[in-house]
Structure formats: structure tokens, C-alpha cells
Amino acid sequence: MAGSAEGRAAPAPEEGRAPREGRAPGLLGEALATTVRLRRPLYGSALAVTALAACGVAAIAVLGFALTWDAFELLRERVRSNQEAEDPPFSATGDIDVAFTMNGMLVVFLLLLLAAVVLTLLFTAHAVAVRDALPDRAAPPAGGLWRRARPYMLRVLAAQLATGLGVVVSASAGAFLFDSLASGLIPGVERPGAPFTGFGAADWAVGLGLPLAAGCVGPYLVVRLSLAPSAVVFEDVRTAGALRRSWRLTGGARTVALGLWLLIAAVVVTGFLLLLVAASPLAAPAGEAVMRLSDGNRFTTATLAHYLPAAIALVLLPVAVVPPVGAALPVLYARLRAREEGRRAPGAGV
């Protein structure tokens, strides 16, 4: 029958227009779908790295307390003698403060180095998993994932260290300017301070704006260079080439990259705060154990009780929040690379 559905021909697409396709997922949708699809290798690798991080943090903590154990004992004796002499409790403790400062700097350096190694392992493994997650391929097991990721790790570590160095230099420059501008570094410019009245526009723009601008260079570098691990894995380039590649790709999608990193920062901060609250009850029993071990030294005990919840929260962050974050970055890289090469990237926009 001519008017029947069987006999009616489908309307031909207009000339020059491709047939309509289903709407592909956006960046976040694809990142979450990738995380779900690859949940076994991603979370398996995250658990392994979390165990490594726990051992590393514990070793650094033991080293830090071992190096400052005598200083804590000397501080207790100095405070006791000051109280007996009716002097301020913490007077004449300059030599002890130097020991704490030097050992603290060593501990911070080791923790930053450990963080670079942890991020290298995670970002490399996640980038390899996303690269190999072709439509008709099954998710690789965690063991195979590590074998495929191993050739890229040193280059990714170098990229992480280069980015971290930029962040440290930026933060140091911001802190230096913040302190120096209060001491008259620039004639005629005074850094605003409480009660924040009587300052001119130049004081606000230079006295606060200059240190803030210097400090913001670090986060900007993180955003622009964050795709370097994916560039190493996807294109097998050297570290310098990967950093240039990330800079070039994110330069054409600054808003997308910045928005993704703002979301990542919100997720990381929220996860850290929740883990911090969950770990807080462990501070009391740990403090009691150190109190007995240190023969009642309240300064050693207070230090451990203060930092232990934060240390536990940081150790658990990789397995709590990194898998979706680690999947989102290589997904963004693949989309930006496809757009650069003129291919259709999944989803609308980038």
C-alpha cells in the first residue's frame, strides 16, 4: 500500500549534513563512565599506592620524631626550669627552635618528594588505563596495568617535579613579597594591614596584589601542565616535550581546564575534611601511647596528636578521590588532542 508505513521511504538527509547521532557524554560524564568501567584496575592501583604512601608517611614520621626526640626532652626541661625561676615558660628556647625548624624542613621535603612519587604512580597508571580503554577491549588487570605503566614513570616523575618546583618558587616569591612590602620594599607603597583603613589604591594594587599575583602563578602552572603525564603516555614523548604539549593543549581550552581543576580542588578539599573528621578520634589513643613512650612528655604527645589526623587523611586521599580525578585528566587530554587533529571529540564542546 502506497500510504503504508512499510512503503513510505525515510526522508533523506539534507545535502551537506551528516545524519544525526546520539548525544555523546560530556567531559565529566565520560570521566565518570571511564572510572566505572575501569574501576578494578584504577581502584586496585590506588589501593596499592595508598599502602605505599602509608608506609612512606610512617617512615618519615618515625624519622622526624627520632631526630627531634632529644629536642623535645630538652624543651620539657627548659620549660620546667623557666617555671621554677618564674620566667616565661618558652624563654631562652632559641637553640631548640632551630633544631625543630631544621628537622621540620627535612620532614616537609621528604613528604613533598613522597607526594610526587605517589602522584606519578597514580597519574601514569590512570593515563595508561584510559589510553588502553578502547571500545572493544576489556579493562586490563592491575598487574598488567603496572607493567604497561612502568616505561613512562621516570618521565612523568620528572614532569611532576618540574611542576612542583614551579609551585614552590611561586609560593616562595609570594611570601617574600608579602613580608618585604610590609618593610618598605617599594618606596611609597605600604602593604595594607589591620584595621585596613587609610590606604591608597597603589597600596592595595601593589601591596596585596603583587604577592597574590606571584602566589597564583603556581596554581596556574598546575592547570597548564597537568596534562603532561597523559602526553608522556599517549604520545611517548620526553618530559620537556610533554610539558610543552600540555601547555599548548590547555592554552586552547583554559576555561575548561580551569573549571575542571576547580572541581578537582573542591573534591580534594571536601574529601580531606571528611577524612580528617573521621580520623580525629584516633588522636587520643595514639597520644596516650606516645605519652607512655616519652615518659610523660606532653610536647611530644601534643605534636603527634595534632598532626596524626591530617597524616591519616592525606594517606587515604589517593584511594578516596584520585581514581575519578586521574581518569578525568587523560580524558580531557584525549578530547583536546582529537580537537587539535580535527577529529570529532566525544560530547559537546571539548
Protein backbone atom coordinates (compact mmCIF):
# COMPACT_ATOMS: atom_id res chain seq x y z
CA MET A 1 0.00 0.00 0.00
CA ALA A 2 1.47 3.27 -1.08
CA GLY A 3 0.49 5.18 2.06
CA SER A 4 1.52 2.47 4.48
CA ALA A 5 4.49 2.77 6.83
CA GLU A 6 6.27 -0.08 5.07
CA GLY A 7 6.10 1.63 1.72
CA ARG A 8 6.98 5.09 2.93
CA ALA A 9 10.65 5.92 2.32
CA ALA A 10 12.66 7.52 5.10
CA PRO A 11 13.42 11.20 4.46
CA ALA A 12 16.90 11.68 3.05
CA PRO A 13 19.29 13.91 5.00
CA GLU A 14 19.78 17.37 3.68
CA GLU A 15 22.71 17.82 1.36
CA GLY A 16 25.97 18.52 3.22
CA ARG A 17 24.53 17.50 6.62
CA ALA A 18 25.54 14.28 8.31
CA PRO A 19 22.90 12.01 9.78
CA ARG A 20 22.07 12.87 13.39
CA GLU A 21 23.91 10.92 16.04
CA GLY A 22 23.07 10.31 19.67
CA ARG A 23 24.34 12.91 22.06
CA ALA A 24 27.70 11.79 23.44
CA PRO A 25 28.53 12.33 27.12
CA GLY A 26 30.31 15.45 28.25
CA LEU A 27 33.76 15.55 29.82
CA LEU A 28 32.59 14.74 33.35
CA GLY A 29 30.18 12.09 32.12
CA GLU A 30 32.87 10.35 30.12
CA ALA A 31 35.33 10.59 33.01
CA LEU A 32 32.84 9.01 35.42
CA ALA A 33 31.89 6.34 32.89
CA THR A 34 35.58 5.56 32.38
CA THR A 35 36.10 5.33 36.13
CA VAL A 36 33.20 2.90 36.47
CA ARG A 37 34.34 0.81 33.55
CA LEU A 38 37.93 0.64 34.78
CA ARG A 39 37.10 0.54 38.48
CA ARG A 40 39.07 -2.65 39.16
CA PRO A 41 42.46 -1.54 37.78
CA LEU A 42 42.01 2.09 38.87
CA TYR A 43 40.97 1.37 42.45
CA GLY A 44 43.32 -1.62 42.64
CA SER A 45 46.27 0.58 41.73
CA ALA A 46 45.01 3.30 44.10
CA LEU A 47 44.89 0.80 46.98
CA ALA A 48 48.43 -0.36 46.23
CA VAL A 49 49.70 3.24 46.11
CA THR A 50 47.81 4.06 49.31
CA ALA A 51 49.60 1.22 51.07
CA LEU A 52 52.92 2.53 49.76
CA ALA A 53 52.03 6.05 50.90
CA ALA A 54 51.09 4.79 54.37
CA CYS A 55 54.47 3.07 54.73
CA GLY A 56 56.28 6.16 53.47
CA VAL A 57 54.46 8.56 55.78
CA ALA A 58 55.01 6.25 58.75
CA ALA A 59 58.74 6.00 57.99
CA ILE A 60 59.06 9.79 57.62
CA ALA A 61 57.15 10.33 60.86
CA VAL A 62 59.39 7.90 62.75
CA LEU A 63 62.47 9.62 61.32
CA GLY A 64 61.12 13.06 62.29
CA PHE A 65 60.40 12.04 65.88
CA ALA A 66 63.74 10.24 66.16
CA LEU A 67 65.60 13.37 65.07
CA THR A 68 63.66 15.64 67.45
CA TRP A 69 63.29 13.29 70.42
CA ASP A 70 66.16 14.85 72.35
CA ALA A 71 64.94 18.34 71.42
CA PHE A 72 61.51 17.57 72.87
CA GLU A 73 63.15 16.33 76.08
CA LEU A 74 65.33 19.44 76.26
CA LEU A 75 62.26 21.61 75.71
CA ARG A 76 60.50 19.95 78.63
CA GLU A 77 63.47 20.54 80.91
CA ARG A 78 63.85 24.16 79.74
CA VAL A 79 60.18 24.93 80.36
CA ARG A 80 60.35 23.33 83.79
CA SER A 81 63.41 25.37 84.77
CA ASN A 82 61.80 28.57 83.47
CA GLN A 83 58.70 27.94 85.54
CA GLU A 84 60.79 27.29 88.65
CA ALA A 85 62.61 30.57 88.04
CA GLU A 86 59.26 32.31 87.42
CA ASP A 87 60.34 33.25 83.89
CA PRO A 88 58.16 32.96 80.76
CA PRO A 89 57.84 29.22 80.02
CA PHE A 90 59.25 29.39 76.50
CA SER A 91 62.03 31.92 77.07
CA ALA A 92 65.61 31.03 76.08
CA THR A 93 64.48 28.27 73.69
CA GLY A 94 66.08 29.68 70.55
CA ASP A 95 68.52 26.79 70.10
CA ILE A 96 65.66 24.29 70.41
CA ASP A 97 63.58 26.20 67.88
CA VAL A 98 66.44 25.95 65.38
CA ALA A 99 66.50 22.16 65.78
CA PHE A 100 62.74 21.93 65.31
CA THR A 101 62.90 24.16 62.24
CA MET A 102 65.69 22.21 60.53
CA ASN A 103 64.08 18.85 61.20
CA GLY A 104 60.69 20.19 60.15
CA MET A 105 62.12 21.35 56.83
CA LEU A 106 63.59 17.90 56.25
CA VAL A 107 60.27 16.21 57.02
CA VAL A 108 58.37 18.57 54.69
CA PHE A 109 60.88 17.96 51.89
CA LEU A 110 60.56 14.18 52.26
CA LEU A 111 56.75 14.42 52.31
CA LEU A 112 56.74 16.53 49.15
CA LEU A 113 59.04 14.04 47.44
CA LEU A 114 56.76 11.19 48.52
CA ALA A 115 53.74 13.10 47.18
CA ALA A 116 55.47 13.48 43.81
CA VAL A 117 56.14 9.72 43.67
CA VAL A 118 52.55 8.90 44.67
CA LEU A 119 51.07 11.23 42.05
CA THR A 120 53.47 9.83 39.45
CA LEU A 121 52.34 6.27 40.10
CA LEU A 122 48.67 7.17 40.09
CA PHE A 123 48.61 9.54 37.12
CA THR A 124 50.75 7.21 35.00
CA ALA A 125 48.62 4.16 35.76
CA HIS A 126 45.39 6.07 35.14
CA ALA A 127 46.62 7.52 31.85
CA VAL A 128 47.67 4.06 30.63
CA ALA A 129 44.29 2.60 31.63
CA VAL A 130 42.37 5.33 29.79
CA ARG A 131 44.61 5.04 26.74
CA ASP A 132 44.06 1.32 26.56
CA ALA A 133 40.31 1.54 27.23
CA LEU A 134 39.27 1.06 23.62
CA PRO A 135 35.58 0.33 22.93
CA ASP A 136 36.08 -3.39 22.21
CA ARG A 137 38.76 -4.08 24.82
CA ALA A 138 38.21 -5.33 28.32
CA ALA A 139 39.62 -3.47 31.29
CA PRO A 140 43.20 -4.60 31.95
CA PRO A 141 44.04 -6.23 35.28
CA ALA A 142 46.00 -4.24 37.85
CA GLY A 143 49.17 -6.28 37.31
CA GLY A 144 49.15 -5.71 33.58
CA LEU A 145 48.44 -2.05 34.18
CA TRP A 146 51.63 -1.64 36.22
CA ARG A 147 53.71 -3.41 33.59
CA ARG A 148 52.44 -1.12 30.86
CA ALA A 149 52.90 1.98 33.03
CA ARG A 150 56.48 1.25 34.10
CA PRO A 151 58.26 2.63 30.97
CA TYR A 152 56.69 6.08 31.46
CA MET A 153 57.15 6.60 35.20
CA LEU A 154 60.53 8.33 35.27
CA ARG A 155 59.41 10.87 32.66
CA VAL A 156 56.15 11.50 34.49
CA LEU A 157 58.07 11.90 37.76
CA ALA A 158 60.32 14.48 36.12
CA ALA A 159 57.23 16.37 34.92
CA GLN A 160 55.74 16.28 38.44
CA LEU A 161 58.99 17.55 39.97
CA ALA A 162 59.24 20.36 37.41
CA THR A 163 55.67 21.45 38.12
CA GLY A 164 56.24 21.17 41.87
CA LEU A 165 59.38 23.28 41.62
CA GLY A 166 57.38 25.98 39.84
CA VAL A 167 54.76 25.91 42.59
CA VAL A 168 57.41 26.16 45.34
CA VAL A 169 59.15 29.07 43.61
CA SER A 170 55.83 30.85 43.11
CA ALA A 171 54.76 30.38 46.73
CA SER A 172 58.18 31.49 48.00
CA ALA A 173 58.10 34.60 45.82
CA GLY A 174 54.62 35.46 47.06
CA ALA A 175 55.65 35.03 50.70
CA PHE A 176 58.82 37.08 50.18
CA LEU A 177 56.89 39.94 48.56
CA PHE A 178 54.21 39.81 51.24
CA ASP A 179 56.78 40.24 54.01
CA SER A 180 59.08 42.64 52.14
CA LEU A 181 56.33 45.04 51.10
CA ALA A 182 55.46 45.47 54.77
CA SER A 183 59.07 46.59 55.33
CA GLY A 184 59.14 49.24 52.61
CA LEU A 185 60.47 47.22 49.68
CA ILE A 186 58.89 49.71 47.26
CA PRO A 187 59.10 53.36 48.37
CA GLY A 188 55.71 54.97 48.71
CA VAL A 189 53.85 51.65 48.84
CA GLU A 190 52.66 50.16 52.11
CA ARG A 191 51.06 46.78 52.44
CA PRO A 192 47.56 47.15 53.88
CA GLY A 193 47.05 45.72 57.32
CA ALA A 194 44.55 45.85 60.17
CA PRO A 195 42.41 47.88 60.60
CA PHE A 196 42.68 48.26 56.77
CA THR A 197 41.90 51.97 56.69
CA GLY A 198 43.83 54.90 55.26
CA PHE A 199 45.49 53.01 52.41
CA GLY A 200 45.56 54.22 48.83
CA ALA A 201 44.81 52.39 45.61
CA ALA A 202 48.52 51.74 44.97
CA ASP A 203 48.83 50.11 48.40
CA TRP A 204 46.02 47.71 47.60
CA ALA A 205 47.04 47.05 44.00
CA VAL A 206 50.75 46.58 44.69
CA GLY A 207 50.97 45.83 48.42
CA LEU A 208 48.48 42.97 48.26
CA GLY A 209 48.00 42.44 44.53
CA LEU A 210 51.66 41.76 43.74
CA PRO A 211 52.16 38.98 46.36
CA LEU A 212 48.82 37.47 45.38
CA ALA A 213 49.72 37.51 41.69
CA ALA A 214 53.08 35.87 42.41
CA GLY A 215 51.41 33.19 44.52
CA CYS A 216 48.80 32.45 41.84
CA VAL A 217 51.48 31.58 39.29
CA GLY A 218 51.86 28.18 40.98
CA PRO A 219 48.22 27.07 40.61
CA TYR A 220 48.24 28.43 37.05
CA LEU A 221 51.25 26.23 36.24
CA VAL A 222 49.46 23.22 37.75
CA VAL A 223 46.48 23.78 35.46
CA ARG A 224 48.53 24.36 32.32
CA LEU A 225 51.00 21.49 32.89
CA SER A 226 48.59 18.94 34.35
CA LEU A 227 48.24 17.04 31.06
CA ALA A 228 51.97 16.29 30.82
CA PRO A 229 51.59 12.74 32.26
CA SER A 230 48.94 11.99 29.66
CA ALA A 231 51.17 13.39 26.91
CA VAL A 232 54.01 11.10 28.03
CA VAL A 233 51.73 8.05 27.96
CA PHE A 234 49.67 8.82 24.85
CA GLU A 235 52.49 10.12 22.64
CA ASP A 236 55.59 8.57 24.27
CA VAL A 237 57.45 11.90 24.32
CA ARG A 238 60.18 13.15 26.62
CA THR A 239 59.45 15.23 29.71
CA ALA A 240 60.17 18.60 28.10
CA GLY A 241 58.04 17.71 25.09
CA ALA A 242 55.20 16.58 27.36
CA LEU A 243 55.27 19.85 29.29
CA ARG A 244 55.18 21.84 26.04
CA ARG A 245 52.37 19.63 24.74
CA SER A 246 50.28 20.17 27.86
CA TRP A 247 50.89 23.91 27.72
CA ARG A 248 49.81 24.04 24.07
CA LEU A 249 46.66 21.95 24.51
CA THR A 250 45.42 23.71 27.63
CA GLY A 251 46.18 27.07 26.02
CA GLY A 252 43.24 26.50 23.69
CA ALA A 253 40.91 25.40 26.48
CA ARG A 254 41.86 27.48 29.51
CA THR A 255 38.28 27.78 30.75
CA VAL A 256 37.65 24.03 30.54
CA ALA A 257 40.96 23.17 32.22
CA LEU A 258 40.46 25.76 34.95
CA GLY A 259 36.89 24.63 35.57
CA LEU A 260 37.98 21.01 35.83
CA TRP A 261 40.71 21.89 38.32
CA LEU A 262 38.36 24.00 40.41
CA LEU A 263 36.09 20.97 40.63
CA ILE A 264 39.07 18.75 41.46
CA ALA A 265 40.17 21.16 44.20
CA ALA A 266 36.67 21.17 45.69
CA VAL A 267 36.54 17.35 45.67
CA VAL A 268 40.01 17.04 47.22
CA VAL A 269 39.31 19.59 49.96
CA THR A 270 35.94 18.03 50.78
CA GLY A 271 37.43 14.54 50.87
CA PHE A 272 40.30 15.70 53.06
CA LEU A 273 37.98 17.39 55.56
CA LEU A 274 35.72 14.33 55.79
CA LEU A 275 38.71 12.04 56.31
CA LEU A 276 40.15 14.47 58.85
CA VAL A 277 36.97 14.33 60.91
CA ALA A 278 36.85 10.54 60.63
CA ALA A 279 40.48 10.18 61.74
CA SER A 280 40.28 12.65 64.66
CA PRO A 281 39.18 10.04 67.27
CA LEU A 282 42.48 8.20 66.70
CA ALA A 283 44.50 11.11 68.06
CA ALA A 284 43.62 10.43 71.72
CA PRO A 285 44.74 6.77 71.95
CA ALA A 286 47.84 7.48 69.86
CA GLY A 287 48.68 10.39 72.16
CA GLU A 288 48.34 8.18 75.22
CA ALA A 289 50.73 5.64 73.71
CA VAL A 290 53.32 8.33 72.95
CA MET A 291 52.83 9.79 76.44
CA ARG A 292 53.90 6.47 77.96
CA LEU A 293 56.70 6.04 75.45
CA SER A 294 58.11 9.53 76.08
CA ASP A 295 57.85 9.26 79.87
CA GLY A 296 55.09 11.86 80.06
CA ASN A 297 56.50 14.45 77.66
CA ARG A 298 53.43 16.50 76.81
CA PHE A 299 55.18 18.33 73.97
CA THR A 300 55.91 15.13 72.04
CA THR A 301 52.37 13.91 72.71
CA ALA A 302 50.75 17.17 71.60
CA THR A 303 52.75 17.19 68.37
CA LEU A 304 51.67 13.67 67.42
CA ALA A 305 48.04 14.26 68.39
CA HIS A 306 47.98 17.46 66.33
CA TYR A 307 49.38 16.02 63.10
CA LEU A 308 48.15 12.41 63.17
CA PRO A 309 44.59 13.01 61.82
CA ALA A 310 45.93 15.12 58.94
CA ALA A 311 48.54 12.46 58.12
CA ILE A 312 45.88 9.72 58.03
CA ALA A 313 43.60 11.87 55.86
CA LEU A 314 46.41 12.57 53.38
CA VAL A 315 47.35 8.89 53.20
CA LEU A 316 43.75 7.86 52.42
CA LEU A 317 43.15 10.60 49.83
CA PRO A 318 44.56 8.60 46.88
CA VAL A 319 42.06 5.79 47.17
CA ALA A 320 39.22 8.16 48.15
CA VAL A 321 39.34 10.76 45.38
CA VAL A 322 42.15 10.10 42.89
CA PRO A 323 40.57 7.45 40.59
CA PRO A 324 37.93 9.77 39.08
CA VAL A 325 40.37 12.68 39.09
CA GLY A 326 43.06 10.57 37.46
CA ALA A 327 40.60 9.45 34.79
CA ALA A 328 39.33 12.97 34.06
CA LEU A 329 42.74 14.37 33.10
CA PRO A 330 43.60 11.81 30.37
CA VAL A 331 40.01 12.03 29.11
CA LEU A 332 40.44 15.80 28.77
CA TYR A 333 43.78 15.23 27.04
CA ALA A 334 42.22 12.82 24.53
CA ARG A 335 39.45 15.31 23.76
CA LEU A 336 41.80 18.25 23.28
CA ARG A 337 44.09 16.14 21.13
CA ALA A 338 41.15 15.00 18.99
CA ARG A 339 40.02 18.60 18.56
CA GLU A 340 43.51 19.68 17.57
CA GLU A 341 43.74 16.93 14.98
CA GLY A 342 40.36 17.85 13.54
CA ARG A 343 38.59 14.72 14.68
CA ARG A 344 35.23 14.75 16.40
CA ALA A 345 35.73 14.71 20.16
CA PRO A 346 33.04 12.98 22.19
CA GLY A 347 30.42 15.25 23.65
CA ALA A 348 29.60 18.83 23.04
CA GLY A 349 32.35 21.36 23.16
CA VAL A 350 35.68 19.97 24.27
